[in-house]
């Protein structure tokens, strides 16, 4: 899984990767995510299958100042890798409030946050059994990737970060269920 964010434009595709979902905004208080474009803040999630024999690969992302966070998840259902997906572009809270998604036991929920200011890692901390996988700060933007393995089937409920947070409606939030194979 590759999450790419930018304060500018992002590519619609990357060679060798599938596009999972996206959220673009053209202004801070934009009520809903655009799925076509936006020049204020945006995040695109791409995915592909890798094997143990893959040593390295090139990823070319054109779009001005752009950052990317990559993670790998094992035991993913190759025929149906992505489950429920939800996004928010204006959560109206200083904490970031990830939208609820529905998954099954052992599925993994990825929580991606792009923030339109360069806040630090302790400003938006994970909560409720969620683990931080990565944090990035590039120029005037910050990005976070968090994850949680589900121990029961059903909706996650919306999850708010801990920490002091930041100004409302300056983030792009994605909640994505990664379908895993059963035991």
N, C-alpha and C. Protein backbone atom coordinates (compact mmCIF):
# COMPACT_ATOMS: atom_id res chain seq x y z
N UNK A 1 0.85 -1.17 0.00
CA UNK A 1 0.00 0.00 0.00
C UNK A 1 0.90 1.23 0.00
N UNK A 2 0.59 2.16 -0.86
CA UNK A 2 1.35 3.39 -0.98
C UNK A 2 0.38 4.56 -0.85
N UNK A 3 0.64 5.43 0.11
CA UNK A 3 -0.18 6.61 0.32
C UNK A 3 0.64 7.82 -0.10
N UNK A 4 0.15 8.56 -1.06
CA UNK A 4 0.87 9.72 -1.56
C UNK A 4 0.02 10.96 -1.31
N UNK A 5 0.62 11.98 -0.72
CA UNK A 5 -0.10 13.21 -0.42
C UNK A 5 0.68 14.40 -0.92
N UNK A 6 -0.04 15.49 -1.11
CA UNK A 6 0.60 16.68 -1.62
C UNK A 6 -0.27 17.89 -1.37
N UNK A 7 0.37 19.03 -1.30
CA UNK A 7 -0.33 20.29 -1.30
C UNK A 7 -0.61 20.75 -2.72
N UNK A 8 -0.25 19.94 -3.70
CA UNK A 8 -0.48 20.25 -5.11
C UNK A 8 -1.21 19.10 -5.78
N UNK A 9 -1.00 18.94 -7.05
CA UNK A 9 -1.69 17.89 -7.81
C UNK A 9 -0.95 16.56 -7.70
N UNK A 10 -1.72 15.48 -7.69
CA UNK A 10 -1.16 14.12 -7.64
C UNK A 10 -1.52 13.38 -8.92
N UNK A 11 -0.72 12.40 -9.29
CA UNK A 11 -1.02 11.65 -10.52
C UNK A 11 -2.25 10.77 -10.36
N UNK A 12 -2.95 10.58 -11.47
CA UNK A 12 -4.13 9.71 -11.49
C UNK A 12 -3.70 8.25 -11.45
N UNK A 13 -2.49 7.94 -11.90
CA UNK A 13 -2.02 6.56 -11.89
C UNK A 13 -0.50 6.53 -11.75
N UNK A 14 0.01 5.38 -11.29
CA UNK A 14 1.43 5.11 -11.20
C UNK A 14 1.64 3.76 -11.87
N UNK A 15 2.61 3.69 -12.79
CA UNK A 15 2.87 2.45 -13.51
C UNK A 15 3.07 1.29 -12.54
N UNK A 16 2.35 0.19 -12.78
CA UNK A 16 2.49 -1.02 -11.99
C UNK A 16 1.68 -1.05 -10.70
N UNK A 17 0.94 0.00 -10.42
CA UNK A 17 0.14 0.08 -9.20
C UNK A 17 -1.34 0.21 -9.53
N UNK A 18 -2.20 -0.30 -8.66
CA UNK A 18 -3.65 -0.10 -8.76
C UNK A 18 -4.04 1.07 -7.87
N UNK A 19 -5.02 1.81 -8.31
CA UNK A 19 -5.51 2.94 -7.51
C UNK A 19 -6.62 2.43 -6.60
N UNK A 20 -6.47 2.66 -5.29
CA UNK A 20 -7.46 2.18 -4.32
C UNK A 20 -8.54 3.21 -4.03
N UNK A 21 -8.15 4.39 -3.62
CA UNK A 21 -9.09 5.46 -3.32
C UNK A 21 -8.32 6.77 -3.23
N UNK A 22 -9.05 7.85 -3.07
CA UNK A 22 -8.43 9.17 -3.00
C UNK A 22 -9.37 10.16 -2.35
N UNK A 23 -8.79 11.26 -1.91
CA UNK A 23 -9.56 12.40 -1.41
C UNK A 23 -8.78 13.65 -1.77
N UNK A 24 -9.40 14.54 -2.53
CA UNK A 24 -8.78 15.81 -2.92
C UNK A 24 -9.63 16.95 -2.40
N UNK A 25 -8.96 18.04 -2.04
CA UNK A 25 -9.70 19.24 -1.67
C UNK A 25 -9.04 20.47 -2.26
N UNK A 26 -9.86 21.45 -2.56
CA UNK A 26 -9.37 22.70 -3.15
C UNK A 26 -9.31 23.84 -2.14
N UNK A 27 -9.90 23.62 -0.97
CA UNK A 27 -9.86 24.61 0.10
C UNK A 27 -10.04 23.90 1.43
N UNK A 28 -9.58 24.52 2.51
CA UNK A 28 -9.60 23.87 3.82
C UNK A 28 -10.98 23.42 4.27
N UNK A 29 -11.98 24.23 4.10
CA UNK A 29 -13.31 23.89 4.63
C UNK A 29 -14.20 23.18 3.62
N UNK A 30 -13.61 22.57 2.61
CA UNK A 30 -14.38 21.81 1.62
C UNK A 30 -15.14 20.69 2.33
N UNK A 31 -16.45 20.63 2.15
CA UNK A 31 -17.30 19.73 2.91
C UNK A 31 -17.08 18.25 2.60
N UNK A 32 -16.83 17.90 1.34
CA UNK A 32 -16.65 16.50 0.96
C UNK A 32 -15.43 16.34 0.07
N UNK A 33 -14.93 15.12 0.03
CA UNK A 33 -13.77 14.83 -0.82
C UNK A 33 -14.17 14.89 -2.29
N UNK A 34 -13.28 15.42 -3.10
CA UNK A 34 -13.42 15.32 -4.55
C UNK A 34 -12.64 14.07 -4.97
N UNK A 35 -13.14 13.38 -5.97
CA UNK A 35 -12.44 12.20 -6.48
C UNK A 35 -11.84 12.48 -7.86
N UNK A 36 -11.81 13.76 -8.24
CA UNK A 36 -11.22 14.11 -9.53
C UNK A 36 -9.93 14.90 -9.37
N UNK A 37 -9.96 16.00 -8.61
CA UNK A 37 -8.73 16.75 -8.35
C UNK A 37 -8.97 17.82 -7.32
N UNK A 38 -7.90 18.46 -6.91
CA UNK A 38 -7.93 19.55 -5.95
C UNK A 38 -6.51 20.04 -5.79
N UNK A 39 -6.32 21.32 -5.55
CA UNK A 39 -4.95 21.83 -5.47
C UNK A 39 -4.57 22.36 -4.09
N UNK A 40 -5.38 22.06 -3.06
CA UNK A 40 -5.04 22.48 -1.71
C UNK A 40 -4.37 21.34 -0.94
N UNK A 41 -4.98 20.17 -0.92
CA UNK A 41 -4.45 19.01 -0.22
C UNK A 41 -5.10 17.77 -0.82
N UNK A 42 -4.36 16.71 -0.91
CA UNK A 42 -4.93 15.48 -1.45
C UNK A 42 -4.12 14.28 -1.03
N UNK A 43 -4.79 13.14 -0.99
CA UNK A 43 -4.15 11.86 -0.73
C UNK A 43 -4.71 10.84 -1.71
N UNK A 44 -3.83 10.03 -2.25
CA UNK A 44 -4.22 8.92 -3.11
C UNK A 44 -3.60 7.66 -2.52
N UNK A 45 -4.38 6.58 -2.45
CA UNK A 45 -3.86 5.30 -2.00
C UNK A 45 -3.77 4.38 -3.21
N UNK A 46 -2.56 3.86 -3.44
CA UNK A 46 -2.30 2.90 -4.50
C UNK A 46 -1.93 1.57 -3.85
N UNK A 47 -2.12 0.47 -4.56
CA UNK A 47 -1.71 -0.81 -3.99
C UNK A 47 -1.26 -1.76 -5.10
N UNK A 48 -0.48 -2.77 -4.69
CA UNK A 48 -0.03 -3.81 -5.59
C UNK A 48 0.45 -4.99 -4.75
N UNK A 49 0.60 -6.12 -5.40
CA UNK A 49 1.08 -7.32 -4.74
C UNK A 49 2.59 -7.42 -4.89
N UNK A 50 3.25 -7.80 -3.81
CA UNK A 50 4.69 -8.03 -3.82
C UNK A 50 4.96 -9.43 -3.31
N UNK A 51 6.11 -9.95 -3.64
CA UNK A 51 6.52 -11.25 -3.10
C UNK A 51 7.87 -11.09 -2.41
N UNK A 52 8.30 -12.13 -1.73
CA UNK A 52 9.58 -12.08 -1.02
C UNK A 52 10.76 -11.86 -1.95
N UNK A 53 10.59 -12.19 -3.23
CA UNK A 53 11.70 -12.03 -4.17
C UNK A 53 11.84 -10.60 -4.71
N UNK A 54 10.91 -9.72 -4.39
CA UNK A 54 11.00 -8.31 -4.81
C UNK A 54 11.96 -7.57 -3.90
N UNK A 55 13.13 -7.19 -4.46
CA UNK A 55 14.13 -6.48 -3.67
C UNK A 55 13.84 -4.99 -3.57
N UNK A 56 13.60 -4.37 -4.72
CA UNK A 56 13.34 -2.94 -4.74
C UNK A 56 12.58 -2.60 -6.02
N UNK A 57 12.09 -1.41 -6.10
CA UNK A 57 11.34 -0.95 -7.26
C UNK A 57 11.40 0.57 -7.29
N UNK A 58 11.16 1.12 -8.44
CA UNK A 58 11.10 2.57 -8.61
C UNK A 58 9.66 3.02 -8.60
N UNK A 59 9.40 4.09 -7.91
CA UNK A 59 8.08 4.71 -7.92
C UNK A 59 8.29 6.16 -8.31
N UNK A 60 7.71 6.56 -9.42
CA UNK A 60 7.84 7.93 -9.89
C UNK A 60 6.51 8.64 -9.68
N UNK A 61 6.52 9.64 -8.81
CA UNK A 61 5.32 10.40 -8.50
C UNK A 61 5.60 11.84 -8.90
N UNK A 62 4.90 12.33 -9.88
CA UNK A 62 5.04 13.71 -10.32
C UNK A 62 3.87 14.50 -9.73
N UNK A 63 4.15 15.62 -9.12
CA UNK A 63 3.07 16.41 -8.56
C UNK A 63 3.57 17.51 -7.65
N UNK A 64 4.72 18.04 -7.89
CA UNK A 64 5.24 19.11 -7.05
C UNK A 64 5.78 18.53 -5.75
N UNK A 65 5.60 19.24 -4.65
CA UNK A 65 6.03 18.74 -3.35
C UNK A 65 5.10 17.62 -2.94
N UNK A 66 5.63 16.42 -2.94
CA UNK A 66 4.82 15.23 -2.68
C UNK A 66 5.56 14.33 -1.71
N UNK A 67 4.84 13.74 -0.79
CA UNK A 67 5.43 12.75 0.09
C UNK A 67 4.64 11.45 -0.04
N UNK A 68 5.29 10.37 0.34
CA UNK A 68 4.63 9.07 0.25
C UNK A 68 5.02 8.21 1.44
N UNK A 69 4.08 7.42 1.90
CA UNK A 69 4.30 6.44 2.95
C UNK A 69 3.89 5.09 2.39
N UNK A 70 4.74 4.10 2.57
CA UNK A 70 4.45 2.77 2.06
C UNK A 70 4.43 1.78 3.21
N UNK A 71 3.52 0.80 3.14
CA UNK A 71 3.48 -0.28 4.11
C UNK A 71 3.13 -1.57 3.40
N UNK A 72 3.51 -2.67 3.98
CA UNK A 72 3.17 -3.99 3.44
C UNK A 72 2.35 -4.75 4.47
N UNK A 73 1.36 -5.47 3.99
CA UNK A 73 0.50 -6.29 4.85
C UNK A 73 0.53 -7.70 4.31
N UNK A 74 0.74 -8.65 5.18
CA UNK A 74 0.79 -10.05 4.77
C UNK A 74 -0.58 -10.69 4.79
N UNK A 75 -0.69 -11.81 4.08
CA UNK A 75 -1.89 -12.65 4.10
C UNK A 75 -3.13 -11.93 3.56
N UNK A 76 -2.94 -11.05 2.58
CA UNK A 76 -4.05 -10.29 2.00
C UNK A 76 -4.79 -11.15 0.99
N UNK A 77 -6.09 -11.02 0.94
CA UNK A 77 -6.92 -11.71 -0.04
C UNK A 77 -6.61 -11.11 -1.42
N UNK A 78 -5.88 -11.84 -2.25
CA UNK A 78 -5.43 -11.31 -3.54
C UNK A 78 -6.58 -11.03 -4.50
N UNK A 79 -7.68 -11.80 -4.43
CA UNK A 79 -8.81 -11.60 -5.32
C UNK A 79 -9.66 -10.40 -4.92
N UNK A 80 -9.63 -10.05 -3.64
CA UNK A 80 -10.45 -8.96 -3.13
C UNK A 80 -9.68 -8.24 -2.01
N UNK A 81 -8.61 -7.50 -2.37
CA UNK A 81 -7.73 -6.94 -1.34
C UNK A 81 -8.34 -5.83 -0.49
N UNK A 82 -9.20 -5.02 -1.07
CA UNK A 82 -9.75 -3.88 -0.33
C UNK A 82 -11.21 -4.10 0.00
N UNK A 83 -11.56 -3.79 1.23
CA UNK A 83 -12.95 -3.87 1.68
C UNK A 83 -13.55 -2.48 1.74
N UNK A 84 -14.22 -2.21 2.83
CA UNK A 84 -14.91 -0.94 3.03
C UNK A 84 -13.91 0.22 3.06
N UNK A 85 -14.29 1.32 2.45
CA UNK A 85 -13.46 2.53 2.39
C UNK A 85 -14.34 3.73 2.70
N UNK A 86 -13.83 4.62 3.53
CA UNK A 86 -14.56 5.86 3.83
C UNK A 86 -13.54 7.00 3.91
N UNK A 87 -13.99 8.20 3.55
CA UNK A 87 -13.10 9.35 3.59
C UNK A 87 -13.83 10.58 4.12
N UNK A 88 -13.03 11.49 4.68
CA UNK A 88 -13.55 12.75 5.21
C UNK A 88 -12.56 13.85 4.83
N UNK A 89 -13.09 15.00 4.40
CA UNK A 89 -12.21 16.12 4.07
C UNK A 89 -12.39 17.29 5.02
N UNK A 90 -13.38 17.26 5.85
CA UNK A 90 -13.60 18.33 6.82
C UNK A 90 -14.32 17.71 8.01
N UNK A 91 -13.56 17.27 9.01
CA UNK A 91 -14.16 16.56 10.15
C UNK A 91 -14.66 17.50 11.25
N UNK A 92 -14.40 18.79 11.11
CA UNK A 92 -14.90 19.83 12.01
C UNK A 92 -14.49 19.64 13.47
N UNK A 93 -13.28 19.10 13.68
CA UNK A 93 -12.77 18.94 15.03
C UNK A 93 -11.26 19.15 15.04
N UNK A 94 -10.74 19.65 16.17
CA UNK A 94 -9.29 19.85 16.28
C UNK A 94 -8.55 18.53 16.27
N UNK A 95 -9.16 17.50 16.85
CA UNK A 95 -8.61 16.16 16.74
C UNK A 95 -8.99 15.69 15.35
N UNK A 96 -8.31 14.73 14.81
CA UNK A 96 -8.74 14.19 13.52
C UNK A 96 -9.63 12.99 13.78
N UNK A 97 -10.79 12.98 13.13
CA UNK A 97 -11.80 11.96 13.39
C UNK A 97 -11.97 11.09 12.14
N UNK A 98 -11.36 9.89 12.20
CA UNK A 98 -11.43 8.97 11.07
C UNK A 98 -12.82 8.38 10.96
N UNK A 99 -13.36 8.27 9.73
CA UNK A 99 -14.71 7.72 9.56
C UNK A 99 -14.74 6.21 9.82
N UNK A 100 -15.90 5.73 10.22
CA UNK A 100 -16.12 4.32 10.50
C UNK A 100 -16.13 3.50 9.21
N UNK A 101 -15.56 2.30 9.28
CA UNK A 101 -15.62 1.32 8.20
C UNK A 101 -15.97 -0.03 8.82
N UNK A 102 -16.41 -0.95 7.99
CA UNK A 102 -16.80 -2.27 8.46
C UNK A 102 -15.85 -3.32 7.92
N UNK A 103 -15.37 -4.17 8.80
CA UNK A 103 -14.45 -5.23 8.41
C UNK A 103 -14.71 -6.51 9.17
N UNK A 104 -13.86 -7.50 8.92
CA UNK A 104 -13.99 -8.80 9.57
C UNK A 104 -12.81 -9.10 10.48
N UNK A 105 -12.92 -10.16 11.25
CA UNK A 105 -11.86 -10.59 12.16
C UNK A 105 -10.57 -10.77 11.37
N UNK A 106 -9.48 -10.23 11.88
CA UNK A 106 -8.13 -10.27 11.32
C UNK A 106 -7.92 -9.35 10.12
N UNK A 107 -8.96 -8.67 9.64
CA UNK A 107 -8.73 -7.64 8.62
C UNK A 107 -7.93 -6.52 9.27
N UNK A 108 -7.25 -5.74 8.45
CA UNK A 108 -6.48 -4.60 8.94
C UNK A 108 -7.13 -3.33 8.42
N UNK A 109 -7.31 -2.36 9.30
CA UNK A 109 -7.82 -1.05 8.89
C UNK A 109 -6.64 -0.10 8.87
N UNK A 110 -6.42 0.54 7.73
CA UNK A 110 -5.39 1.58 7.59
C UNK A 110 -6.06 2.93 7.70
N UNK A 111 -5.46 3.80 8.50
CA UNK A 111 -5.97 5.15 8.70
C UNK A 111 -4.90 6.12 8.18
N UNK A 112 -5.22 6.81 7.11
CA UNK A 112 -4.29 7.75 6.50
C UNK A 112 -4.77 9.17 6.75
N UNK A 113 -3.83 10.02 7.20
CA UNK A 113 -4.16 11.42 7.45
C UNK A 113 -3.14 12.31 6.77
N UNK A 114 -3.60 13.20 5.92
CA UNK A 114 -2.79 14.28 5.39
C UNK A 114 -3.26 15.55 6.06
N UNK A 115 -2.34 16.36 6.60
CA UNK A 115 -2.72 17.58 7.29
C UNK A 115 -2.05 18.76 6.63
N UNK A 116 -2.80 19.83 6.46
CA UNK A 116 -2.37 20.99 5.68
C UNK A 116 -1.57 22.01 6.51
N UNK A 117 -0.84 21.52 7.50
CA UNK A 117 0.13 22.31 8.26
C UNK A 117 1.19 21.32 8.74
N UNK A 118 2.36 21.80 9.05
CA UNK A 118 3.47 20.93 9.45
C UNK A 118 3.42 20.63 10.95
N UNK A 119 2.42 19.89 11.39
CA UNK A 119 2.30 19.53 12.79
C UNK A 119 3.20 18.33 13.11
N UNK A 120 3.53 18.17 14.39
CA UNK A 120 4.43 17.12 14.83
C UNK A 120 3.73 15.81 15.13
N UNK A 121 4.51 14.75 15.37
CA UNK A 121 3.95 13.42 15.57
C UNK A 121 3.09 13.30 16.82
N UNK A 122 3.31 14.13 17.84
CA UNK A 122 2.51 14.04 19.06
C UNK A 122 1.24 14.87 19.01
N UNK A 123 1.07 15.66 17.96
CA UNK A 123 -0.14 16.46 17.84
C UNK A 123 -1.36 15.60 17.47
N UNK A 124 -1.12 14.54 16.73
CA UNK A 124 -2.18 13.61 16.32
C UNK A 124 -1.69 12.20 16.63
N UNK A 125 -2.03 11.71 17.81
CA UNK A 125 -1.57 10.39 18.24
C UNK A 125 -2.69 9.36 18.06
N UNK A 126 -2.32 8.10 17.82
CA UNK A 126 -3.32 7.06 17.66
C UNK A 126 -4.05 6.77 18.96
N UNK A 127 -5.22 6.16 18.84
CA UNK A 127 -6.06 5.86 19.98
C UNK A 127 -6.75 4.51 19.78
N UNK A 128 -7.30 3.97 20.82
CA UNK A 128 -8.17 2.80 20.72
C UNK A 128 -7.57 1.57 20.07
N UNK A 129 -6.34 1.18 20.44
CA UNK A 129 -5.72 0.00 19.85
C UNK A 129 -5.12 0.23 18.48
N UNK A 130 -5.09 1.47 18.04
CA UNK A 130 -4.51 1.83 16.74
C UNK A 130 -3.01 2.09 16.94
N UNK A 131 -2.19 1.63 16.00
CA UNK A 131 -0.74 1.85 16.05
C UNK A 131 -0.31 2.80 14.94
N UNK A 132 0.66 3.67 15.24
CA UNK A 132 1.21 4.53 14.21
C UNK A 132 2.26 3.74 13.43
N UNK A 133 2.12 3.72 12.11
CA UNK A 133 3.10 3.07 11.25
C UNK A 133 4.13 4.04 10.74
N UNK A 134 3.72 5.28 10.47
CA UNK A 134 4.64 6.25 9.89
C UNK A 134 4.14 7.67 10.11
N UNK A 135 5.09 8.59 10.11
CA UNK A 135 4.82 10.02 10.20
C UNK A 135 5.78 10.73 9.26
N UNK A 136 5.29 11.73 8.55
CA UNK A 136 6.11 12.53 7.64
C UNK A 136 5.77 14.00 7.84
N UNK A 137 6.80 14.84 7.73
CA UNK A 137 6.58 16.29 7.70
C UNK A 137 7.38 16.82 6.53
N UNK A 138 6.70 17.45 5.59
CA UNK A 138 7.34 17.99 4.41
C UNK A 138 6.86 19.43 4.22
N UNK A 139 7.77 20.36 4.30
CA UNK A 139 7.46 21.78 4.14
C UNK A 139 6.31 22.16 5.06
N UNK A 140 5.15 22.46 4.50
CA UNK A 140 4.03 22.93 5.31
C UNK A 140 2.94 21.85 5.50
N UNK A 141 3.23 20.59 5.23
CA UNK A 141 2.26 19.51 5.37
C UNK A 141 2.80 18.43 6.30
N UNK A 142 1.88 17.65 6.87
CA UNK A 142 2.25 16.49 7.69
C UNK A 142 1.40 15.31 7.25
N UNK A 143 1.94 14.12 7.41
CA UNK A 143 1.20 12.92 7.05
C UNK A 143 1.39 11.84 8.10
N UNK A 144 0.35 11.08 8.31
CA UNK A 144 0.35 10.02 9.31
C UNK A 144 -0.26 8.78 8.68
N UNK A 145 0.27 7.60 9.00
CA UNK A 145 -0.36 6.34 8.63
C UNK A 145 -0.45 5.50 9.89
N UNK A 146 -1.67 5.07 10.19
CA UNK A 146 -1.94 4.27 11.38
C UNK A 146 -2.67 3.00 10.95
N UNK A 147 -2.66 1.99 11.83
CA UNK A 147 -3.31 0.73 11.49
C UNK A 147 -3.84 0.04 12.74
N UNK A 148 -4.83 -0.81 12.49
CA UNK A 148 -5.41 -1.62 13.57
C UNK A 148 -5.88 -2.93 12.98
N UNK A 149 -5.47 -4.06 13.60
CA UNK A 149 -6.01 -5.36 13.21
C UNK A 149 -7.31 -5.55 13.98
N UNK A 150 -8.36 -5.95 13.26
CA UNK A 150 -9.67 -6.11 13.89
C UNK A 150 -9.75 -7.45 14.61
N UNK A 151 -10.30 -7.44 15.81
CA UNK A 151 -10.49 -8.67 16.56
C UNK A 151 -11.95 -9.11 16.61
N UNK A 152 -12.80 -8.38 15.88
CA UNK A 152 -14.22 -8.74 15.75
C UNK A 152 -14.74 -8.18 14.43
N UNK A 153 -15.80 -8.77 13.94
CA UNK A 153 -16.45 -8.28 12.72
C UNK A 153 -17.40 -7.15 13.05
N UNK A 154 -17.56 -6.22 12.10
CA UNK A 154 -18.50 -5.14 12.27
C UNK A 154 -17.87 -3.79 12.04
N UNK A 155 -18.63 -2.72 12.34
CA UNK A 155 -18.12 -1.36 12.13
C UNK A 155 -17.09 -0.98 13.19
N UNK A 156 -16.11 -0.19 12.79
CA UNK A 156 -15.08 0.28 13.72
C UNK A 156 -15.58 1.44 14.58
N UNK A 157 -16.60 2.13 14.11
CA UNK A 157 -16.98 3.38 14.75
C UNK A 157 -15.95 4.42 14.34
N UNK A 158 -16.28 5.69 14.44
CA UNK A 158 -15.30 6.72 14.10
C UNK A 158 -14.28 6.81 15.23
N UNK A 159 -13.04 7.00 14.86
CA UNK A 159 -11.95 7.05 15.84
C UNK A 159 -11.26 8.41 15.76
N UNK A 160 -11.18 9.11 16.89
CA UNK A 160 -10.52 10.41 16.94
C UNK A 160 -9.11 10.25 17.48
N UNK A 161 -8.18 11.02 16.93
CA UNK A 161 -6.81 11.00 17.42
C UNK A 161 -6.73 11.63 18.80
N UNK A 162 -5.63 11.37 19.49
CA UNK A 162 -5.33 12.03 20.75
C UNK A 162 -4.26 13.08 20.48
N UNK A 163 -3.91 13.87 21.49
CA UNK A 163 -2.96 14.95 21.30
C UNK A 163 -3.71 16.26 21.16
N UNK A 164 -2.96 17.35 21.01
CA UNK A 164 -3.62 18.66 20.95
C UNK A 164 -4.36 18.92 19.64
N UNK A 165 -4.00 18.21 18.57
CA UNK A 165 -4.67 18.42 17.29
C UNK A 165 -4.24 19.71 16.65
N UNK A 166 -5.10 20.22 15.79
CA UNK A 166 -4.79 21.45 15.07
C UNK A 166 -6.06 22.12 14.60
N UNK A 167 -5.97 23.13 13.74
CA UNK A 167 -7.17 23.82 13.25
C UNK A 167 -8.13 22.83 12.57
N UNK A 168 -9.41 23.07 12.73
CA UNK A 168 -10.41 22.18 12.14
C UNK A 168 -10.39 22.24 10.62
N UNK A 169 -10.82 21.18 10.00
CA UNK A 169 -11.04 21.08 8.55
C UNK A 169 -9.78 21.27 7.71
N UNK A 170 -8.61 20.95 8.26
CA UNK A 170 -7.38 21.09 7.47
C UNK A 170 -6.77 19.73 7.14
N UNK A 171 -7.56 18.67 7.29
CA UNK A 171 -7.02 17.34 7.04
C UNK A 171 -7.82 16.60 5.98
N UNK A 172 -7.21 15.55 5.48
CA UNK A 172 -7.82 14.60 4.57
C UNK A 172 -7.66 13.25 5.25
N UNK A 173 -8.76 12.57 5.52
CA UNK A 173 -8.73 11.34 6.30
C UNK A 173 -9.32 10.18 5.50
N UNK A 174 -8.57 9.07 5.45
CA UNK A 174 -9.04 7.86 4.78
C UNK A 174 -9.03 6.71 5.77
N UNK A 175 -10.10 5.93 5.80
CA UNK A 175 -10.16 4.67 6.54
C UNK A 175 -10.37 3.58 5.51
N UNK A 176 -9.47 2.58 5.49
CA UNK A 176 -9.49 1.55 4.44
C UNK A 176 -9.35 0.18 5.09
N UNK A 177 -10.30 -0.71 4.81
CA UNK A 177 -10.20 -2.09 5.28
C UNK A 177 -9.40 -2.89 4.25
N UNK A 178 -8.37 -3.58 4.73
CA UNK A 178 -7.60 -4.50 3.91
C UNK A 178 -8.07 -5.89 4.27
N UNK A 179 -8.68 -6.58 3.29
CA UNK A 179 -9.22 -7.92 3.52
C UNK A 179 -8.09 -8.93 3.63
N UNK A 180 -8.09 -9.67 4.72
CA UNK A 180 -7.09 -10.70 4.91
C UNK A 180 -7.75 -12.08 4.81
N UNK A 181 -6.95 -13.06 4.48
CA UNK A 181 -7.45 -14.42 4.41
C UNK A 181 -7.67 -14.94 5.83
N UNK A 182 -8.68 -15.78 6.01
CA UNK A 182 -8.97 -16.35 7.33
C UNK A 182 -7.89 -17.32 7.73
N UNK A 183 -7.88 -17.64 9.02
CA UNK A 183 -6.87 -18.59 9.54
C UNK A 183 -7.14 -20.00 9.06
